[in-house]
């Protein structure tokens, strides 16, 4: 039993090149219709403003941007300190309840221990030639990362929007952050 149609002749069949071109056209039309592009999106929520918790969202954002991702980082509550020009230069490292601190909590709770552990970490960062918070922010902004400041937190904590780094988007609410996460390929809460 043959699957050839009796009406079709060999001369009417499209060439391999014509079929390949038609497949390319259909794939392009499908990508356009479904909104699929080459770019991927990453959405990060940053909620903590300590020295050790400022690095993860900044490193992930700048790395993803370097790989061509469209990146948005929504900062809320203490995470706003990362975007604040003055406060970001004085982020602290808590020694109490930090499982990676080489001191027991009873010692870590002593007055001045947070200063000691913060200085130890800052020295380690400098000795390792690790980028500062400011350098990571500026690099990320140059790469197109969008840093958003939660408007509710700005109002609640009485921040002045002029104190944030240039390029930070203010006036962003939770609904915008949720929509951004819904549209993203990767969503992270840090």
Protein backbone atom coordinates (compact mmCIF):
# COMPACT_ATOMS: atom_id res chain seq x y z
CA UNK A 1 0.00 0.00 0.00
CA UNK A 2 1.46 3.31 -1.04
CA UNK A 3 1.15 6.61 0.80
CA UNK A 4 1.83 8.60 -2.35
CA UNK A 5 -1.10 10.61 -3.55
CA UNK A 6 -1.94 9.91 -7.14
CA UNK A 7 -2.37 13.60 -7.99
CA UNK A 8 1.04 14.80 -6.75
CA UNK A 9 3.96 14.65 -9.10
CA UNK A 10 7.60 14.67 -8.10
CA UNK A 11 8.01 18.09 -9.75
CA UNK A 12 5.43 19.71 -7.40
CA UNK A 13 7.17 18.64 -4.17
CA UNK A 14 9.01 21.44 -2.34
CA UNK A 15 12.76 21.21 -2.14
CA UNK A 16 14.58 20.60 1.10
CA UNK A 17 15.70 24.25 1.20
CA UNK A 18 12.11 25.43 0.71
CA UNK A 19 10.91 23.18 3.54
CA UNK A 20 13.69 24.42 5.83
CA UNK A 21 12.80 28.03 5.03
CA UNK A 22 9.11 27.34 5.77
CA UNK A 23 9.99 25.70 9.12
CA UNK A 24 12.07 28.78 10.03
CA UNK A 25 9.14 31.05 9.14
CA UNK A 26 6.75 29.02 11.29
CA UNK A 27 9.15 28.98 14.24
CA UNK A 28 9.59 32.75 14.01
CA UNK A 29 5.82 33.25 13.83
CA UNK A 30 5.31 30.96 16.84
CA UNK A 31 7.97 32.80 18.88
CA UNK A 32 6.37 36.15 18.03
CA UNK A 33 2.85 34.93 18.82
CA UNK A 34 3.82 33.43 22.19
CA UNK A 35 6.16 36.24 23.17
CA UNK A 36 9.14 33.91 23.36
CA UNK A 37 12.33 35.76 22.72
CA UNK A 38 15.92 34.92 23.22
CA UNK A 39 16.05 36.84 26.49
CA UNK A 40 15.28 35.21 29.79
CA UNK A 41 14.10 37.04 32.89
CA UNK A 42 15.18 36.76 36.50
CA UNK A 43 13.32 38.33 39.39
CA UNK A 44 14.93 38.60 42.83
CA UNK A 45 13.35 39.79 46.06
CA UNK A 46 15.92 41.19 48.55
CA UNK A 47 14.62 41.48 52.12
CA UNK A 48 17.74 41.65 54.28
CA UNK A 49 20.20 44.50 54.72
CA UNK A 50 23.14 42.90 56.49
CA UNK A 51 26.60 42.72 54.96
CA UNK A 52 26.41 38.97 54.38
CA UNK A 53 22.91 39.16 52.86
CA UNK A 54 23.66 42.08 50.53
CA UNK A 55 26.04 40.05 48.41
CA UNK A 56 23.79 37.19 47.19
CA UNK A 57 21.20 39.29 45.31
CA UNK A 58 23.91 41.55 43.85
CA UNK A 59 26.15 38.69 42.71
CA UNK A 60 23.23 36.75 41.25
CA UNK A 61 21.84 39.84 39.50
CA UNK A 62 25.15 40.91 37.95
CA UNK A 63 26.00 37.35 36.88
CA UNK A 64 22.58 36.81 35.30
CA UNK A 65 22.85 40.16 33.50
CA UNK A 66 26.27 39.11 32.17
CA UNK A 67 24.60 36.00 30.74
CA UNK A 68 21.99 38.14 28.99
CA UNK A 69 19.12 37.87 31.45
CA UNK A 70 16.77 40.77 32.02
CA UNK A 71 17.07 41.16 35.80
CA UNK A 72 14.87 42.94 38.33
CA UNK A 73 15.70 43.08 42.04
CA UNK A 74 12.86 44.24 44.30
CA UNK A 75 14.18 45.52 47.66
CA UNK A 76 11.83 45.60 50.61
CA UNK A 77 12.17 46.16 54.36
CA UNK A 78 15.83 46.01 55.46
CA UNK A 79 16.84 45.17 51.90
CA UNK A 80 16.41 48.87 51.13
CA UNK A 81 19.64 49.54 53.04
CA UNK A 82 21.51 47.94 50.13
CA UNK A 83 20.19 50.66 47.79
CA UNK A 84 20.81 53.54 50.22
CA UNK A 85 24.07 55.31 49.34
CA UNK A 86 25.19 55.93 52.93
CA UNK A 87 23.71 52.91 54.70
CA UNK A 88 25.08 50.48 52.11
CA UNK A 89 28.61 51.54 53.09
CA UNK A 90 27.97 50.64 56.75
CA UNK A 91 26.18 47.30 56.58
CA UNK A 92 26.85 45.10 59.59
CA UNK A 93 27.31 41.39 60.10
CA UNK A 94 25.45 39.89 63.02
CA UNK A 95 27.40 37.41 65.09
CA UNK A 96 24.39 36.19 67.12
CA UNK A 97 22.52 33.26 65.60
CA UNK A 98 24.89 33.08 62.65
CA UNK A 99 25.85 29.42 62.26
CA UNK A 100 29.02 30.32 60.37
CA UNK A 101 30.49 32.45 63.12
CA UNK A 102 33.29 30.66 64.93
CA UNK A 103 32.07 31.88 68.33
CA UNK A 104 29.28 30.60 70.59
CA UNK A 105 26.14 32.76 70.85
CA UNK A 106 26.96 33.62 74.48
CA UNK A 107 30.18 35.27 73.32
CA UNK A 108 28.62 36.66 70.14
CA UNK A 109 26.03 38.50 72.24
CA UNK A 110 28.69 40.52 74.07
CA UNK A 111 28.69 44.26 73.35
CA UNK A 112 30.83 45.13 70.36
CA UNK A 113 30.94 41.64 68.83
CA UNK A 114 28.95 42.71 65.76
CA UNK A 115 31.58 45.38 65.10
CA UNK A 116 34.33 42.77 65.47
CA UNK A 117 32.70 40.26 63.11
CA UNK A 118 31.84 43.02 60.62
CA UNK A 119 35.45 44.20 60.57
CA UNK A 120 36.66 40.61 60.17
CA UNK A 121 34.37 40.16 57.17
CA UNK A 122 35.32 43.53 55.65
CA UNK A 123 39.00 42.57 55.97
CA UNK A 124 38.31 39.23 54.32
CA UNK A 125 36.47 40.99 51.48
CA UNK A 126 39.34 43.44 51.00
CA UNK A 127 42.05 40.76 51.25
CA UNK A 128 40.24 38.64 48.67
CA UNK A 129 39.81 41.66 46.37
CA UNK A 130 36.06 41.02 46.32
CA UNK A 131 33.92 43.79 44.86
CA UNK A 132 32.27 46.12 47.35
CA UNK A 133 28.52 46.54 47.61
CA UNK A 134 28.83 49.90 45.83
CA UNK A 135 30.91 48.38 43.01
CA UNK A 136 28.45 45.53 42.52
CA UNK A 137 25.52 47.96 42.45
CA UNK A 138 27.16 50.27 39.93
CA UNK A 139 28.26 47.37 37.73
CA UNK A 140 24.78 45.86 37.84
CA UNK A 141 23.14 49.19 36.98
CA UNK A 142 25.57 49.61 34.06
CA UNK A 143 24.55 46.14 32.86
CA UNK A 144 20.87 47.07 32.88
CA UNK A 145 19.75 45.44 36.14
CA UNK A 146 16.66 47.20 37.45
CA UNK A 147 16.80 47.80 41.20
CA UNK A 148 13.37 48.57 42.62
CA UNK A 149 12.66 50.11 46.02
CA UNK A 150 9.39 49.09 47.70
CA UNK A 151 7.26 52.22 48.12
CA UNK A 152 5.42 50.90 51.17
CA UNK A 153 8.75 50.29 52.93
CA UNK A 154 10.07 53.71 51.88
CA UNK A 155 7.02 55.26 53.55
CA UNK A 156 7.06 52.94 56.58
CA UNK A 157 10.77 53.40 57.33
CA UNK A 158 10.71 57.11 56.42
CA UNK A 159 13.44 56.84 53.77
CA UNK A 160 14.24 59.79 51.54
CA UNK A 161 14.16 58.66 47.90
CA UNK A 162 17.01 61.04 47.06
CA UNK A 163 19.33 58.98 49.28
CA UNK A 164 19.19 55.94 46.98
CA UNK A 165 21.79 55.32 44.29
CA UNK A 166 21.12 57.00 40.95
CA UNK A 167 19.24 54.61 38.71
CA UNK A 168 17.19 52.94 41.47
CA UNK A 169 13.48 52.79 40.61
CA UNK A 170 11.31 54.04 43.46
CA UNK A 171 7.56 53.97 43.87
CA UNK A 172 7.26 50.25 43.13
CA UNK A 173 4.61 48.23 44.92
CA UNK A 174 4.15 44.58 45.73
CA UNK A 175 1.70 44.11 42.84
CA UNK A 176 4.38 45.19 40.36
CA UNK A 177 6.91 42.85 42.00
CA UNK A 178 4.44 39.94 41.82
CA UNK A 179 3.74 40.59 38.14
CA UNK A 180 7.46 40.75 37.44
CA UNK A 181 7.95 37.40 39.21
CA UNK A 182 5.07 35.86 37.26
CA UNK A 183 6.72 36.91 33.99
CA UNK A 184 10.20 35.73 35.02
CA UNK A 185 11.89 32.44 34.15
CA UNK A 186 13.69 32.42 37.51
CA UNK A 187 12.29 33.81 40.77
CA UNK A 188 14.41 34.06 43.93
CA UNK A 189 13.69 35.29 47.46
CA UNK A 190 16.89 36.29 49.24
